[in-house]
């Protein structure tokens, strides 16, 4: 649902008939005193629209889980499958808490919140792009001036386990 202003020549006061005809330049928003009623109003440009948040999509606080108002059959089946002790008191105890936790575990996810799994090809492509970025970063330092002695330049070096850079003059290895 959108709330749009009707035109760019309006006083934003529907109670005034006829409107005062205040011109609002597109892209500008400011406060003004209405000449008809002498009240201060926030003027919004006509090309600006206010949208209401989607009531279905809400942020779920960590540790909470959205559940349907009416329990699903899976939740009810979970409750029915639990054997309650005949001497258990009718109050919220650890047994009821365990049953409720099982109900929450059986609750369906809200629409659109299904976990998105990457395919093997997407994972391999992401790993290859990270390796390429690491190699490009490694090559970018070769030939730069040493930050310690300011005379030598960095060259590629390694110890069999790691690739690193070493100054060809003072043998400094940058971190």
Protein backbone atom coordinates (compact mmCIF):
# COMPACT_ATOMS: atom_id res chain seq x y z
CA UNK A 1 0.00 0.00 0.00
CA UNK A 2 1.40 3.40 -0.96
CA UNK A 3 0.49 6.84 0.30
CA UNK A 4 1.22 9.31 -2.48
CA UNK A 5 0.47 12.98 -2.56
CA UNK A 6 -2.05 13.82 -5.27
CA UNK A 7 -0.09 16.50 -7.15
CA UNK A 8 2.82 18.89 -6.85
CA UNK A 9 0.49 21.85 -6.20
CA UNK A 10 -1.18 21.17 -2.89
CA UNK A 11 -1.17 22.53 0.62
CA UNK A 12 -1.28 19.04 2.14
CA UNK A 13 -4.39 20.08 4.06
CA UNK A 14 -7.39 18.15 2.71
CA UNK A 15 -9.71 20.07 5.03
CA UNK A 16 -9.12 23.29 3.06
CA UNK A 17 -11.37 23.76 0.07
CA UNK A 18 -10.02 25.00 -2.26
CA UNK A 19 -6.38 24.12 -1.54
CA UNK A 20 -4.00 27.01 -1.00
CA UNK A 21 -1.92 26.06 -4.05
CA UNK A 22 1.48 25.97 -2.37
CA UNK A 23 4.07 24.78 -4.88
CA UNK A 24 6.42 22.05 -3.68
CA UNK A 25 9.48 21.56 -5.91
CA UNK A 26 10.21 17.87 -6.61
CA UNK A 27 12.96 16.47 -4.41
CA UNK A 28 12.55 19.14 -1.73
CA UNK A 29 11.10 18.66 1.71
CA UNK A 30 10.76 21.40 4.30
CA UNK A 31 8.50 22.86 6.97
CA UNK A 32 6.11 25.65 6.19
CA UNK A 33 3.30 27.60 7.79
CA UNK A 34 0.04 27.02 5.96
CA UNK A 35 -1.41 30.39 4.90
CA UNK A 36 -4.96 29.12 5.42
CA UNK A 37 -4.75 27.77 8.96
CA UNK A 38 -1.38 29.15 10.15
CA UNK A 39 -0.19 25.74 11.36
CA UNK A 40 3.29 24.36 10.84
CA UNK A 41 3.31 21.29 8.62
CA UNK A 42 6.05 19.06 7.28
CA UNK A 43 5.86 19.32 3.51
CA UNK A 44 6.82 16.22 1.56
CA UNK A 45 7.63 16.34 -2.15
CA UNK A 46 5.01 14.70 -4.40
CA UNK A 47 7.42 12.21 -5.95
CA UNK A 48 8.17 10.82 -2.48
CA UNK A 49 6.02 7.91 -1.33
CA UNK A 50 5.79 6.38 2.10
CA UNK A 51 5.49 2.62 2.24
CA UNK A 52 4.15 0.57 5.08
CA UNK A 53 6.30 -2.34 6.22
CA UNK A 54 5.14 -5.74 5.09
CA UNK A 55 3.21 -7.13 8.09
CA UNK A 56 4.16 -10.72 7.19
CA UNK A 57 7.94 -10.17 7.24
CA UNK A 58 9.04 -9.26 10.75
CA UNK A 59 12.37 -9.52 12.48
CA UNK A 60 12.56 -12.46 14.85
CA UNK A 61 14.54 -11.77 18.00
CA UNK A 62 17.32 -14.27 18.60
CA UNK A 63 16.14 -17.00 20.91
CA UNK A 64 12.54 -16.64 19.73
CA UNK A 65 10.71 -18.57 17.07
CA UNK A 66 7.54 -17.60 15.24
CA UNK A 67 4.82 -20.19 15.64
CA UNK A 68 1.35 -20.32 14.14
CA UNK A 69 -1.58 -19.10 16.24
CA UNK A 70 -3.23 -22.50 15.95
CA UNK A 71 -0.90 -25.47 16.51
CA UNK A 72 -0.22 -27.56 13.44
CA UNK A 73 -0.96 -31.27 13.29
CA UNK A 74 2.76 -31.98 13.75
CA UNK A 75 2.78 -29.96 16.97
CA UNK A 76 -0.38 -31.62 18.28
CA UNK A 77 0.97 -35.05 17.39
CA UNK A 78 4.08 -34.23 19.40
CA UNK A 79 1.96 -33.37 22.45
CA UNK A 80 -0.21 -36.48 22.04
CA UNK A 81 2.85 -38.72 21.84
CA UNK A 82 4.12 -37.56 25.24
CA UNK A 83 3.17 -39.77 28.17
CA UNK A 84 2.37 -37.61 31.15
CA UNK A 85 2.93 -38.98 34.61
CA UNK A 86 -0.40 -39.65 36.40
CA UNK A 87 0.83 -37.87 39.54
CA UNK A 88 2.21 -34.83 37.70
CA UNK A 89 0.78 -31.54 38.99
CA UNK A 90 -1.25 -29.37 36.64
CA UNK A 91 1.25 -26.53 36.35
CA UNK A 92 4.12 -25.37 34.19
CA UNK A 93 6.89 -27.71 35.28
CA UNK A 94 9.98 -29.13 33.63
CA UNK A 95 7.94 -31.84 31.89
CA UNK A 96 5.59 -29.26 30.35
CA UNK A 97 8.59 -27.17 29.38
CA UNK A 98 10.14 -30.16 27.59
CA UNK A 99 6.86 -30.81 25.80
CA UNK A 100 6.66 -27.16 24.74
CA UNK A 101 10.26 -27.25 23.50
CA UNK A 102 9.41 -30.29 21.40
CA UNK A 103 6.37 -28.44 20.03
CA UNK A 104 8.58 -25.51 19.06
CA UNK A 105 11.05 -27.85 17.40
CA UNK A 106 8.19 -29.34 15.37
CA UNK A 107 6.82 -25.91 14.37
CA UNK A 108 7.10 -25.09 10.67
CA UNK A 109 9.27 -22.22 9.49
CA UNK A 110 7.47 -19.08 8.27
CA UNK A 111 7.14 -18.85 4.48
CA UNK A 112 10.36 -17.65 2.88
CA UNK A 113 12.54 -18.57 5.87
CA UNK A 114 13.58 -21.96 4.54
CA UNK A 115 17.36 -22.39 4.77
CA UNK A 116 19.10 -21.72 1.48
CA UNK A 117 21.66 -24.39 0.68
CA UNK A 118 24.48 -23.77 -1.76
CA UNK A 119 25.14 -26.27 -4.49
CA UNK A 120 28.55 -27.90 -4.80
CA UNK A 121 29.23 -25.79 -7.90
CA UNK A 122 28.47 -22.56 -6.02
CA UNK A 123 30.76 -23.56 -3.15
CA UNK A 124 33.59 -24.46 -5.53
CA UNK A 125 33.14 -21.18 -7.45
CA UNK A 126 33.28 -19.19 -4.18
CA UNK A 127 36.43 -21.03 -3.08
CA UNK A 128 38.09 -20.43 -6.45
CA UNK A 129 37.29 -16.71 -6.31
CA UNK A 130 38.76 -16.49 -2.78
CA UNK A 131 41.92 -18.29 -3.88
CA UNK A 132 42.23 -15.98 -6.91
CA UNK A 133 41.82 -12.93 -4.66
CA UNK A 134 44.48 -14.26 -2.25
CA UNK A 135 46.89 -14.86 -5.14
CA UNK A 136 46.25 -11.38 -6.56
CA UNK A 137 46.93 -9.85 -3.14
CA UNK A 138 50.12 -11.89 -2.82
CA UNK A 139 51.38 -10.76 -6.24
CA UNK A 140 50.46 -7.12 -5.58
CA UNK A 141 53.22 -6.65 -2.97
CA UNK A 142 56.04 -8.02 -5.14
CA UNK A 143 58.30 -5.16 -6.23
CA UNK A 144 57.03 -2.63 -3.67
CA UNK A 145 59.51 -0.67 -1.57
CA UNK A 146 60.41 -2.20 1.80
CA UNK A 147 58.60 -0.49 4.67
CA UNK A 148 61.54 -0.98 7.05
CA UNK A 149 64.76 -0.08 5.19
CA UNK A 150 63.20 1.96 2.34
CA UNK A 151 66.02 0.73 0.01
CA UNK A 152 65.07 -2.78 -1.03
CA UNK A 153 61.98 -4.21 -2.65
CA UNK A 154 59.85 -7.19 -1.74
CA UNK A 155 60.29 -10.44 -3.60
CA UNK A 156 58.39 -13.71 -3.38
CA UNK A 157 59.79 -16.19 -0.89
CA UNK A 158 58.62 -19.26 0.95
CA UNK A 159 59.69 -21.92 3.41
CA UNK A 160 57.93 -24.94 1.96
CA UNK A 161 54.82 -24.40 4.06
CA UNK A 162 53.93 -20.75 3.51
CA UNK A 163 54.38 -18.23 0.72
CA UNK A 164 55.48 -14.80 1.93
CA UNK A 165 57.41 -11.69 0.90
CA UNK A 166 60.95 -10.80 1.91
CA UNK A 167 62.95 -7.63 1.33
CA UNK A 168 65.91 -8.30 -0.98
CA UNK A 169 68.06 -5.83 1.01
CA UNK A 170 67.35 -6.19 4.75
CA UNK A 171 65.53 -9.58 4.61
CA UNK A 172 62.51 -8.07 6.45
CA UNK A 173 59.28 -10.12 6.21
CA UNK A 174 56.23 -7.83 6.51
CA UNK A 175 53.26 -8.98 8.53
